[in-house]
Amino acid sequence: MYNANMDKNVLQTYRQHWQAVEEMEKQEASNENIETRWQQLNTLAGLARALGIFQVDDYEDDEVRSRWNRLRAAYQ
């Protein structure tokens, strides 16, 4: 026999679970400092470059590095 209340409870539990996961992810992201995020971005860019997905000219590398150094100096 079909029980609509059971389906509703299952869906509510499922939704609550994923809302809790989303909240934890938001908290983790807000706790990461800019240096950690920058390292993660560099890791992804390096992987993309190694796989041939993403190409960056040396000039662009120097420009980005210069911007990063200015930002780091401003927040230290």
C-alpha atoms as a PDB file:
ATOM      1  CA  MET A   1       0.000   0.000   0.000  1.00  0.00           C
ATOM      2  CA  TYR A   2       1.266   3.490  -0.880  1.00  0.00           C
ATOM      3  CA  ASN A   3       2.165   5.744   2.028  1.00  0.00           C
ATOM      4  CA  ALA A   4       2.439   9.420   1.000  1.00  0.00           C
ATOM      5  CA  ASN A   5       3.601  10.468   4.476  1.00  0.00           C
ATOM      6  CA  MET A   6       6.590   8.145   4.248  1.00  0.00           C
ATOM      7  CA  ASP A   7       7.606   9.632   0.897  1.00  0.00           C
ATOM      8  CA  LYS A   8       7.243  13.123   2.335  1.00  0.00           C
ATOM      9  CA  ASN A   9       9.410  12.239   5.340  1.00  0.00           C
ATOM     10  CA  VAL A  10      12.078  10.668   3.138  1.00  0.00           C
ATOM     11  CA  LEU A  11      12.174  13.748   0.924  1.00  0.00           C
ATOM     12  CA  GLN A  12      12.334  16.100   3.910  1.00  0.00           C
ATOM     13  CA  THR A  13      15.201  14.104   5.420  1.00  0.00           C
ATOM     14  CA  TYR A  14      17.040  14.084   2.091  1.00  0.00           C
ATOM     15  CA  ARG A  15      16.604  17.827   1.667  1.00  0.00           C
ATOM     16  CA  GLN A  16      17.700  18.564   5.239  1.00  0.00           C
ATOM     17  CA  HIS A  17      20.808  16.439   4.739  1.00  0.00           C
ATOM     18  CA  TRP A  18      21.910  18.351   1.653  1.00  0.00           C
ATOM     19  CA  GLN A  19      21.127  21.702   3.263  1.00  0.00           C
ATOM     20  CA  ALA A  20      23.405  20.719   6.159  1.00  0.00           C
ATOM     21  CA  VAL A  21      26.120  19.702   3.687  1.00  0.00           C
ATOM     22  CA  GLU A  22      25.783  23.039   1.879  1.00  0.00           C
ATOM     23  CA  GLU A  23      26.065  24.941   5.166  1.00  0.00           C
ATOM     24  CA  MET A  24      29.217  23.048   6.150  1.00  0.00           C
ATOM     25  CA  GLU A  25      30.771  23.728   2.745  1.00  0.00           C
ATOM     26  CA  LYS A  26      30.016  27.443   3.117  1.00  0.00           C
ATOM     27  CA  GLN A  27      31.618  27.493   6.562  1.00  0.00           C
ATOM     28  CA  GLU A  28      34.702  25.665   5.315  1.00  0.00           C
ATOM     29  CA  ALA A  29      35.053  28.041   2.380  1.00  0.00           C
ATOM     30  CA  SER A  30      34.768  31.108   4.587  1.00  0.00           C
ATOM     31  CA  ASN A  31      37.422  29.737   6.953  1.00  0.00           C
ATOM     32  CA  GLU A  32      40.006  29.322   4.199  1.00  0.00           C
ATOM     33  CA  ASN A  33      42.424  32.185   3.888  1.00  0.00           C
ATOM     34  CA  ILE A  34      43.361  33.820   0.626  1.00  0.00           C
ATOM     35  CA  GLU A  35      46.737  32.082   0.474  1.00  0.00           C
ATOM     36  CA  THR A  36      45.111  28.641   0.665  1.00  0.00           C
ATOM     37  CA  ARG A  37      42.659  29.575  -2.076  1.00  0.00           C
ATOM     38  CA  TRP A  38      45.502  30.924  -4.208  1.00  0.00           C
ATOM     39  CA  GLN A  39      47.449  27.673  -3.778  1.00  0.00           C
ATOM     40  CA  GLN A  40      44.383  25.665  -4.796  1.00  0.00           C
ATOM     41  CA  LEU A  41      43.892  27.850  -7.858  1.00  0.00           C
ATOM     42  CA  ASN A  42      47.554  27.472  -8.818  1.00  0.00           C
ATOM     43  CA  THR A  43      47.274  23.704  -8.460  1.00  0.00           C
ATOM     44  CA  LEU A  44      44.248  23.609 -10.768  1.00  0.00           C
ATOM     45  CA  ALA A  45      45.919  25.917 -13.294  1.00  0.00           C
ATOM     46  CA  GLY A  46      49.063  23.766 -13.237  1.00  0.00           C
ATOM     47  CA  LEU A  47      47.021  20.640 -13.847  1.00  0.00           C
ATOM     48  CA  ALA A  48      45.128  22.281 -16.697  1.00  0.00           C
ATOM     49  CA  ARG A  49      48.403  23.487 -18.208  1.00  0.00           C
ATOM     50  CA  ALA A  50      49.965  20.000 -17.889  1.00  0.00           C
ATOM     51  CA  LEU A  51      46.951  18.459 -19.618  1.00  0.00           C
ATOM     52  CA  GLY A  52      47.147  21.020 -22.417  1.00  0.00           C
ATOM     53  CA  ILE A  53      43.745  22.457 -21.559  1.00  0.00           C
ATOM     54  CA  PHE A  54      44.954  25.876 -20.495  1.00  0.00           C
ATOM     55  CA  GLN A  55      47.851  27.791 -22.018  1.00  0.00           C
ATOM     56  CA  VAL A  56      49.313  30.899 -20.385  1.00  0.00           C
ATOM     57  CA  ASP A  57      52.010  33.069 -21.902  1.00  0.00           C
ATOM     58  CA  ASP A  58      55.032  33.909 -19.744  1.00  0.00           C
ATOM     59  CA  TYR A  59      53.997  37.572 -19.898  1.00  0.00           C
ATOM     60  CA  GLU A  60      50.628  36.715 -18.376  1.00  0.00           C
ATOM     61  CA  ASP A  61      52.324  34.665 -15.655  1.00  0.00           C
ATOM     62  CA  ASP A  62      54.501  37.647 -14.740  1.00  0.00           C
ATOM     63  CA  GLU A  63      51.539  40.000 -14.715  1.00  0.00           C
ATOM     64  CA  VAL A  64      49.472  37.704 -12.503  1.00  0.00           C
ATOM     65  CA  ARG A  65      52.417  37.111 -10.169  1.00  0.00           C
ATOM     66  CA  SER A  66      52.895  40.868  -9.860  1.00  0.00           C
ATOM     67  CA  ARG A  67      49.216  41.383  -8.982  1.00  0.00           C
ATOM     68  CA  TRP A  68      49.369  38.591  -6.427  1.00  0.00           C
ATOM     69  CA  ASN A  69      52.440  40.132  -4.783  1.00  0.00           C
ATOM     70  CA  ARG A  70      50.683  43.515  -4.540  1.00  0.00           C
ATOM     71  CA  LEU A  71      47.593  41.896  -2.989  1.00  0.00           C
ATOM     72  CA  ARG A  72      49.650  39.863  -0.543  1.00  0.00           C
ATOM     73  CA  ALA A  73      51.622  42.959   0.503  1.00  0.00           C
ATOM     74  CA  ALA A  74      48.387  44.926   1.029  1.00  0.00           C
ATOM     75  CA  TYR A  75      46.916  42.300   3.386  1.00  0.00           C
ATOM     76  CA  GLN A  76      49.985  41.511   5.484  1.00  0.00           C
END
